[in-house]
Amino acid sequence: MTHQHATLEDTVYFWFGANDTSGSGGDGASPVYDVRLAGAAAGAAPVLSGSATLLSHGDYPAGAHEIAIAATDGNGFAADATYAVFVTLLVDSQNPTGFAGSFTLGPIVANVTQWKGETVPSTTQTGVPKVDVDYVGGGAFTGASNFEAAFNGTGYAFTSCVIPTVTTTGTATALGANAVDSTSIADNAITAAKINADAITNAKIADDAIAAENLKTGAISADAFAADALVAATFAASSLDGKGDWNTVEPDPAGTAPTATEIVDEWETQSQADPTGFQVNTMEIEGTDATDTLDASAAAALVAIHLDHLFAATYDATSKPGVADALWNEMVEDDGGLTRYTANALEQAPGGSSSATLANQVLILESVQSSGGSGT
C-alpha cells in the first residue's frame, strides 16, 4: 500500500480493484471509502466518507475504482496530520473491506504573486515579496513616511530605524492634556533600583526645567524622602549657597548636627569677612510682617508686666494691677477716685507729713490735669 505526502487543501487520489468470488474482476456495487485520522480513538467517526468512482470498461478492466479525497480545512483536515483510507463494496453478495493507502498533509506554502489585484513588486529579500500598504489605522500611508524607512530592507530587525522628528505641532496636542499624570503611573513604578546610575544628571536637565510652578502643592513632602535621603554628603560643596556661603556649617561624618554656638560662630566669621554683603533682612516673623510682629510683641510684653498703666491705660488705685505688695502699688493709694502717694511713701522726705501733704497735692493736681480737668 502506498503512503503519500500532500499539502492541506490538496486533492489526494487512491485506487483499488475488486474481484468476484471466482477471482475475476467484478465491478460490484456501492463502493464507499472512509478516511480515518491516525491515532484517533477507536470509536472516532471518519474525517470524511464518500463514494469511489468506477473507471470505464473501455479503457480499464472490470472492478477498477478511483478515490478523490478533498483534503481541505473545511472538510476537517489539518496540516501535519496523517490519515488512512479504507474501502468496501458489494460484490457477489459479499462486502469485502480493503485498505487503499495513507497520506500526510503539510502546511500551505504561500507564494504571493498578486496583492490587492495587482502584480507583486520585485522582492526585497529572496523568497519574500514586498507588501505595499496603502492605509494604516484608517489613514493614508505614503511611501515617503518614516514608518517605511524603519523597514528599509537592511536586515528587517529595525537596524536602521528612523524615529520621526517631533515638532511643536505634534507634542502636547498629540498626547492630550494630562496624558501622563500621577494616576497613570502605579505606586512605586519608578524606583531608585530602576534608574541607572547617573541617569539623571545636571547636564541632562535644562535650566529651569523644574520650577516652582511645575510642582503640584504637596508634591514633595517630608514623607516623600527616605530616611537620611538629604544628608550633607549628598550635596556638593556650596551647592546651597546664599550670600557668604551660608551652607558651610555641616554635620560631622557621624551625622551630628552643628551646635548653636558653632552656627553663631560661623555667622560671625562670614559677616566679618563680608560685612557689606552678609546681611539678614527679616521681612516676616511666623508669616506676619516683621514690624507689626515686633510692635505687637513689645506691647504685649508691657501689658504682661502692667507697665501700660503708667501712660497707656487707666490706673485704678482701688483695684491695683499686678501684686498688691509691688513697689508702685505700696507707694500710692486712692483718694476719692484720684491717686496719691501714701504717708509711708513720703514720711522720710524733708518736712515730714507736711511735705507728704504738699507732694500729694502736686500728684493730685497732675492727675487732674492729665485727665482733662482744672486745678486750683
Protein backbone atom coordinates (compact mmCIF):
# COMPACT_ATOMS: atom_id res chain seq x y z
CA MET A 1 0.00 0.00 0.00
CA THR A 2 1.16 3.47 -0.77
CA HIS A 3 1.80 6.42 1.57
CA GLN A 4 1.54 9.88 0.05
CA HIS A 5 2.63 13.38 1.11
CA ALA A 6 0.40 16.26 0.16
CA THR A 7 -0.43 19.82 1.25
CA LEU A 8 -3.52 20.91 3.12
CA GLU A 9 -6.20 21.97 0.60
CA ASP A 10 -4.87 19.45 -1.98
CA THR A 11 -6.98 16.64 -3.55
CA VAL A 12 -5.41 13.24 -2.75
CA TYR A 13 -6.11 10.23 -5.05
CA PHE A 14 -6.15 6.46 -4.35
CA TRP A 15 -7.11 3.43 -6.48
CA PHE A 16 -8.27 -0.12 -5.85
CA GLY A 17 -9.59 -3.11 -7.80
CA ALA A 18 -12.45 -5.52 -6.92
CA ASN A 19 -12.84 -9.24 -7.84
CA ASP A 20 -15.81 -11.56 -7.68
CA THR A 21 -15.73 -14.79 -5.67
CA SER A 22 -14.36 -16.72 -8.64
CA GLY A 23 -11.32 -14.41 -8.78
CA SER A 24 -12.31 -12.39 -11.86
CA GLY A 25 -12.63 -8.65 -11.89
CA GLY A 26 -16.00 -7.52 -10.75
CA ASP A 27 -17.45 -4.06 -10.63
CA GLY A 28 -19.61 -4.72 -7.60
CA ALA A 29 -21.91 -2.02 -6.26
CA SER A 30 -21.94 0.81 -3.72
CA PRO A 31 -18.16 1.39 -3.46
CA VAL A 32 -17.56 3.50 -0.31
CA TYR A 33 -14.40 4.95 1.28
CA ASP A 34 -13.77 6.21 4.83
CA VAL A 35 -10.84 8.45 5.86
CA ARG A 36 -9.58 7.99 9.43
CA LEU A 37 -7.25 10.32 11.41
CA ALA A 38 -4.24 8.29 12.50
CA GLY A 39 -4.14 7.86 16.29
CA ALA A 40 -7.76 8.88 16.89
CA ALA A 41 -9.94 6.92 19.33
CA ALA A 42 -11.19 3.54 18.09
CA GLY A 43 -14.74 4.81 18.08
CA ALA A 44 -13.95 8.12 16.37
CA ALA A 45 -16.05 8.90 13.32
CA PRO A 46 -14.31 9.11 9.92
CA VAL A 47 -12.99 12.55 8.99
CA LEU A 48 -14.58 12.16 5.55
CA SER A 49 -16.60 9.47 3.76
CA GLY A 50 -17.58 9.24 0.10
CA SER A 51 -18.15 7.08 -2.98
CA ALA A 52 -15.38 5.76 -5.22
CA THR A 53 -15.64 6.24 -8.97
CA LEU A 54 -15.83 3.13 -11.24
CA LEU A 55 -13.48 3.59 -14.18
CA SER A 56 -14.72 2.99 -17.74
CA HIS A 57 -14.53 -0.59 -19.04
CA GLY A 58 -13.45 0.71 -22.42
CA ASP A 59 -10.09 1.76 -21.01
CA TYR A 60 -9.74 -0.12 -17.71
CA PRO A 61 -10.54 -3.68 -16.57
CA ALA A 62 -13.65 -4.54 -14.59
CA GLY A 63 -13.61 -3.58 -10.90
CA ALA A 64 -11.13 -0.67 -11.29
CA HIS A 65 -12.04 2.26 -8.99
CA GLU A 66 -10.62 5.71 -8.17
CA ILE A 67 -10.98 7.67 -4.90
CA ALA A 68 -10.62 11.51 -4.89
CA ILE A 69 -10.29 12.98 -1.38
CA ALA A 70 -10.63 16.78 -0.97
CA ALA A 71 -8.21 17.27 1.96
CA THR A 72 -9.38 20.74 2.91
CA ASP A 73 -9.70 22.60 6.19
CA GLY A 74 -13.41 22.84 5.54
CA ASN A 75 -13.66 19.04 5.36
CA GLY A 76 -11.94 18.69 8.74
CA PHE A 77 -8.38 18.04 7.63
CA ALA A 78 -5.34 19.65 9.28
CA ALA A 79 -1.69 20.18 8.40
CA ASP A 80 0.96 17.89 9.93
CA ALA A 81 -1.57 15.06 10.38
CA THR A 82 -1.64 11.52 8.88
CA TYR A 83 -4.76 9.81 7.55
CA ALA A 84 -5.69 6.21 6.50
CA VAL A 85 -8.16 5.30 3.69
CA PHE A 86 -10.42 2.19 3.93
CA VAL A 87 -12.76 0.96 1.17
CA THR A 88 -15.66 -1.54 0.79
CA LEU A 89 -18.23 -2.54 -1.83
CA LEU A 90 -20.88 -5.19 -2.52
CA VAL A 91 -19.72 -7.96 -4.91
CA ASP A 92 -21.25 -11.47 -5.33
CA SER A 93 -23.38 -10.78 -2.25
CA GLN A 94 -20.20 -10.13 -0.23
CA ASN A 95 -18.85 -6.90 1.35
CA PRO A 96 -15.07 -7.21 1.42
CA THR A 97 -13.03 -4.41 3.12
CA GLY A 98 -9.71 -3.13 1.81
CA PHE A 99 -7.03 -0.62 2.76
CA ALA A 100 -6.34 1.81 -0.09
CA GLY A 101 -3.36 3.66 1.48
CA SER A 102 -2.43 6.62 3.71
CA PHE A 103 -1.28 10.22 3.38
CA THR A 104 0.27 13.01 5.46
CA LEU A 105 -0.64 16.66 4.95
CA GLY A 106 1.85 19.51 5.17
CA PRO A 107 1.14 23.24 5.70
CA ILE A 108 0.24 25.51 2.82
CA VAL A 109 3.21 27.19 1.18
CA ALA A 110 2.37 30.78 0.29
CA ASN A 111 3.78 32.14 -2.91
CA VAL A 112 2.30 35.60 -3.35
CA THR A 113 2.04 36.66 -6.96
CA GLN A 114 -0.56 39.39 -6.55
CA TRP A 115 -1.59 41.83 -3.82
CA LYS A 116 -4.95 43.60 -3.97
CA GLY A 117 -5.37 42.52 -7.57
CA GLU A 118 -2.00 43.84 -8.69
CA THR A 119 1.24 42.06 -9.53
CA VAL A 120 3.57 41.91 -6.54
CA PRO A 121 6.58 44.28 -6.97
CA SER A 122 10.10 42.95 -7.09
CA THR A 123 11.18 41.24 -3.90
CA THR A 124 13.41 43.00 -1.40
CA GLN A 125 14.66 39.72 0.03
CA THR A 126 14.90 36.39 -1.75
CA GLY A 127 11.65 34.48 -1.42
CA VAL A 128 9.91 37.29 0.47
CA PRO A 129 7.60 39.54 -1.56
CA LYS A 130 7.27 43.23 -0.79
CA VAL A 131 3.86 44.27 0.51
CA ASP A 132 2.66 47.78 -0.27
CA VAL A 133 0.41 49.18 2.45
CA ASP A 134 -1.93 51.96 1.42
CA TYR A 135 -3.61 52.65 4.79
CA VAL A 136 -2.57 52.39 8.42
CA GLY A 137 -5.20 52.94 11.10
CA GLY A 138 -7.64 54.27 8.52
CA GLY A 139 -5.25 56.97 7.30
CA ALA A 140 -3.33 57.18 4.05
CA PHE A 141 0.18 55.71 4.22
CA THR A 142 2.74 57.33 1.93
CA GLY A 143 5.89 55.74 0.61
CA ALA A 144 7.95 58.62 1.97
CA SER A 145 6.85 58.08 5.55
CA ASN A 146 9.32 57.38 8.30
CA PHE A 147 7.49 54.14 9.05
CA GLU A 148 8.56 52.74 5.68
CA ALA A 149 12.08 53.97 6.33
CA ALA A 150 12.19 51.90 9.51
CA PHE A 151 11.69 48.78 7.39
CA ASN A 152 14.26 49.72 4.79
CA GLY A 153 15.43 46.23 3.88
CA THR A 154 18.74 46.32 5.76
CA GLY A 155 18.09 43.27 7.89
CA TYR A 156 14.43 43.52 8.87
CA ALA A 157 15.41 43.92 12.51
CA PHE A 158 14.97 47.68 12.88
CA THR A 159 18.70 48.11 12.42
CA SER A 160 18.17 51.41 10.63
CA CYS A 161 15.05 52.74 12.28
CA VAL A 162 14.23 56.37 11.66
CA ILE A 163 12.49 57.99 14.61
CA PRO A 164 10.14 60.75 13.41
CA THR A 165 11.09 64.26 14.43
CA VAL A 166 8.62 65.66 16.96
CA THR A 167 7.72 69.24 16.19
CA THR A 168 5.91 71.81 18.30
CA THR A 169 2.71 70.99 16.43
CA GLY A 170 2.76 67.35 17.45
CA THR A 171 3.72 67.23 21.11
CA ALA A 172 1.19 68.35 23.69
CA THR A 173 -1.75 68.24 21.28
CA ALA A 174 -0.80 64.74 20.16
CA LEU A 175 -0.61 63.43 23.70
CA GLY A 176 -3.53 65.35 25.08
CA ALA A 177 -3.68 67.28 28.31
CA ASN A 178 -2.54 65.23 31.32
CA ALA A 179 -1.94 62.17 29.11
CA VAL A 180 0.74 61.08 31.57
CA ASP A 181 -0.10 62.09 35.12
CA SER A 182 0.26 60.64 38.58
CA THR A 183 -2.85 58.49 38.18
CA SER A 184 -1.35 56.87 35.06
CA ILE A 185 1.69 55.62 36.97
CA ALA A 186 1.28 52.87 39.53
CA ASP A 187 2.68 53.32 43.02
CA ASN A 188 6.41 52.57 43.15
CA ALA A 189 6.51 52.14 39.34
CA ILE A 190 9.62 54.30 39.25
CA THR A 191 12.06 53.35 41.99
CA ALA A 192 15.72 54.02 42.59
CA ALA A 193 16.58 50.46 41.58
CA LYS A 194 15.02 51.02 38.14
CA ILE A 195 17.07 54.13 37.36
CA ASN A 196 20.65 53.63 36.20
CA ALA A 197 23.42 55.45 37.99
CA ASP A 198 23.88 58.95 36.56
CA ALA A 199 20.68 58.57 34.52
CA ILE A 200 19.59 61.98 35.78
CA THR A 201 22.45 64.47 35.91
CA ASN A 202 22.76 68.26 35.84
CA ALA A 203 23.80 68.14 32.19
CA LYS A 204 20.61 66.30 31.26
CA ILE A 205 18.24 68.77 32.92
CA ALA A 206 17.61 72.07 31.13
CA ASP A 207 17.78 75.32 33.04
CA ASP A 208 14.56 75.97 34.95
CA ALA A 209 13.27 72.51 33.95
CA ILE A 210 11.98 72.07 37.48
CA ALA A 211 10.37 75.32 38.59
CA ALA A 212 8.01 76.04 41.46
CA GLU A 213 5.02 76.42 39.13
CA ASN A 214 5.69 72.96 37.69
CA LEU A 215 5.33 71.26 41.07
CA LYS A 216 1.93 70.44 42.48
CA THR A 217 1.28 71.66 46.01
CA GLY A 218 2.41 68.96 48.40
CA ALA A 219 4.19 67.03 45.62
CA ILE A 220 7.39 66.97 47.64
CA SER A 221 6.69 66.39 51.31
CA ALA A 222 8.64 65.00 54.24
CA ASP A 223 7.23 61.50 53.77
CA ALA A 224 8.44 61.53 50.15
CA PHE A 225 12.04 61.23 51.32
CA ALA A 226 13.64 58.12 52.69
CA ALA A 227 15.50 58.34 55.97
CA ASP A 228 18.81 60.18 55.50
CA ALA A 229 17.88 60.96 51.87
CA LEU A 230 19.13 64.53 52.28
CA VAL A 231 22.44 64.47 54.11
CA ALA A 232 25.48 66.71 53.79
CA ALA A 233 27.34 64.14 51.68
CA THR A 234 24.55 64.28 49.09
CA PHE A 235 25.32 67.90 48.23
CA ALA A 236 28.37 69.30 46.52
CA ALA A 237 30.36 71.93 48.36
CA SER A 238 28.49 75.23 48.46
CA SER A 239 25.61 73.69 46.46
CA LEU A 240 23.05 75.51 48.60
CA ASP A 241 24.81 78.85 48.86
CA GLY A 242 23.33 82.19 49.62
CA LYS A 243 25.42 85.31 50.14
CA GLY A 244 28.52 84.38 52.02
CA ASP A 245 28.21 80.58 51.54
CA TRP A 246 25.85 80.08 54.45
CA ASN A 247 25.83 76.30 53.92
CA THR A 248 29.39 75.81 55.14
CA VAL A 249 28.37 74.51 58.57
CA GLU A 250 27.63 70.82 58.01
CA PRO A 251 27.07 67.82 60.26
CA ASP A 252 30.23 65.90 61.04
CA PRO A 253 30.83 62.47 59.40
CA ALA A 254 28.96 60.80 62.25
CA GLY A 255 25.85 62.82 61.37
CA THR A 256 25.89 65.05 64.46
CA ALA A 257 24.23 68.39 63.74
CA PRO A 258 26.19 71.61 64.45
CA THR A 259 25.57 73.28 67.81
CA ALA A 260 24.07 76.72 68.24
CA THR A 261 27.49 78.06 69.20
CA GLU A 262 29.07 76.66 66.03
CA ILE A 263 26.34 78.22 63.87
CA VAL A 264 26.68 81.64 65.59
CA ASP A 265 30.46 81.50 65.24
CA GLU A 266 30.13 80.70 61.54
CA TRP A 267 27.73 83.58 61.00
CA GLU A 268 30.11 85.90 62.82
CA THR A 269 33.03 84.72 60.67
CA GLN A 270 31.09 85.17 57.45
CA SER A 271 29.74 88.60 58.41
CA GLN A 272 33.24 89.83 59.33
CA ALA A 273 34.58 88.52 56.03
CA ASP A 274 31.92 90.43 54.06
CA PRO A 275 30.22 92.97 56.34
CA THR A 276 28.51 94.73 53.43
CA GLY A 277 27.18 91.67 51.66
CA PHE A 278 26.32 89.43 54.57
CA GLN A 279 23.01 90.76 55.82
CA VAL A 280 19.75 89.38 57.08
CA ASN A 281 16.62 91.28 56.13
CA THR A 282 13.75 89.96 58.22
CA MET A 283 10.57 90.52 56.22
CA GLU A 284 8.27 88.25 58.15
CA ILE A 285 8.09 86.52 61.53
CA GLU A 286 5.83 83.46 61.62
CA GLY A 287 4.10 84.59 58.45
CA THR A 288 3.38 88.15 59.61
CA ASP A 289 5.03 91.45 58.70
CA ALA A 290 8.12 91.78 60.90
CA THR A 291 7.37 95.39 62.01
CA ASP A 292 3.81 94.56 63.07
CA THR A 293 5.03 91.47 64.86
CA LEU A 294 7.69 93.33 66.82
CA ASP A 295 5.28 96.16 67.79
CA ALA A 296 2.67 93.72 68.94
CA SER A 297 5.20 91.66 70.87
CA ALA A 298 6.55 94.77 72.67
CA ALA A 299 3.05 95.95 73.56
CA ALA A 300 2.12 92.53 74.84
CA ALA A 301 5.27 92.44 76.99
CA LEU A 302 4.40 95.82 78.59
CA VAL A 303 0.84 94.68 79.30
CA ALA A 304 2.15 91.45 80.84
CA ILE A 305 4.11 93.39 83.48
CA HIS A 306 1.44 96.13 83.81
CA LEU A 307 3.72 98.95 82.67
CA ASP A 308 0.97 100.06 80.30
CA HIS A 309 -0.82 101.58 83.35
CA LEU A 310 1.82 104.32 83.55
CA PHE A 311 0.80 106.04 80.30
CA ALA A 312 -1.34 103.81 78.09
CA ALA A 313 -4.04 102.54 80.44
CA THR A 314 -6.12 103.85 83.40
CA TYR A 315 -4.60 103.24 86.82
CA ASP A 316 -7.22 102.45 89.47
CA ALA A 317 -5.77 102.58 92.98
CA THR A 318 -8.81 100.72 94.34
CA SER A 319 -8.04 97.76 92.05
CA LYS A 320 -4.31 97.77 91.63
CA PRO A 321 -2.86 95.71 88.74
CA GLY A 322 -0.30 93.01 89.42
CA VAL A 323 0.50 92.03 93.01
CA ALA A 324 -0.57 94.23 95.93
CA ASP A 325 2.85 94.49 97.54
CA ALA A 326 4.64 95.52 94.34
CA LEU A 327 6.74 98.67 94.85
CA TRP A 328 4.47 101.11 92.99
CA ASN A 329 1.30 99.66 94.48
CA GLU A 330 2.71 100.17 98.02
CA MET A 331 3.65 103.79 97.27
CA VAL A 332 0.23 105.04 96.12
CA GLU A 333 -3.36 104.92 97.33
CA ASP A 334 -6.84 106.01 96.29
CA ASP A 335 -8.06 109.46 97.23
CA GLY A 336 -11.68 109.76 96.14
CA GLY A 337 -11.04 108.48 92.63
CA LEU A 338 -7.62 110.07 92.36
CA THR A 339 -4.24 108.55 93.11
CA ARG A 340 -1.88 109.95 95.71
CA TYR A 341 1.34 108.94 97.45
CA THR A 342 0.89 107.20 100.79
CA ALA A 343 2.14 108.78 104.01
CA ASN A 344 4.64 105.95 104.33
CA ALA A 345 6.00 106.76 100.88
CA LEU A 346 6.74 110.38 101.91
CA GLU A 347 7.43 110.19 105.64
CA GLN A 348 11.19 110.27 105.16
CA ALA A 349 11.01 113.31 102.85
CA PRO A 350 12.16 116.76 104.19
CA GLY A 351 9.33 118.42 106.12
CA GLY A 352 7.72 115.13 107.21
CA SER A 353 3.97 114.86 106.92
CA SER A 354 3.58 118.45 105.66
CA SER A 355 5.84 117.57 102.82
CA ALA A 356 3.72 114.48 102.17
CA THR A 357 0.62 116.61 102.03
CA LEU A 358 2.24 119.00 99.60
CA ALA A 359 3.52 116.17 97.45
CA ASN A 360 0.11 114.54 97.34
CA GLN A 361 -1.45 117.85 96.36
CA VAL A 362 1.04 118.08 93.50
CA LEU A 363 0.30 114.46 92.47
CA ILE A 364 -3.45 115.08 92.60
CA LEU A 365 -3.07 118.27 90.58
CA GLU A 366 -1.07 116.45 87.91
CA SER A 367 -3.64 113.66 87.76
CA VAL A 368 -6.49 116.11 87.29
CA GLN A 369 -4.65 117.97 84.53
CA SER A 370 -3.71 114.75 82.71
CA SER A 371 -7.37 113.69 82.79
CA GLY A 372 -8.58 116.99 81.29
CA GLY A 373 -9.89 118.68 84.47
CA SER A 374 -8.94 122.03 86.05
CA GLY A 375 -6.91 122.58 89.19
CA THR A 376 -6.79 125.33 91.84
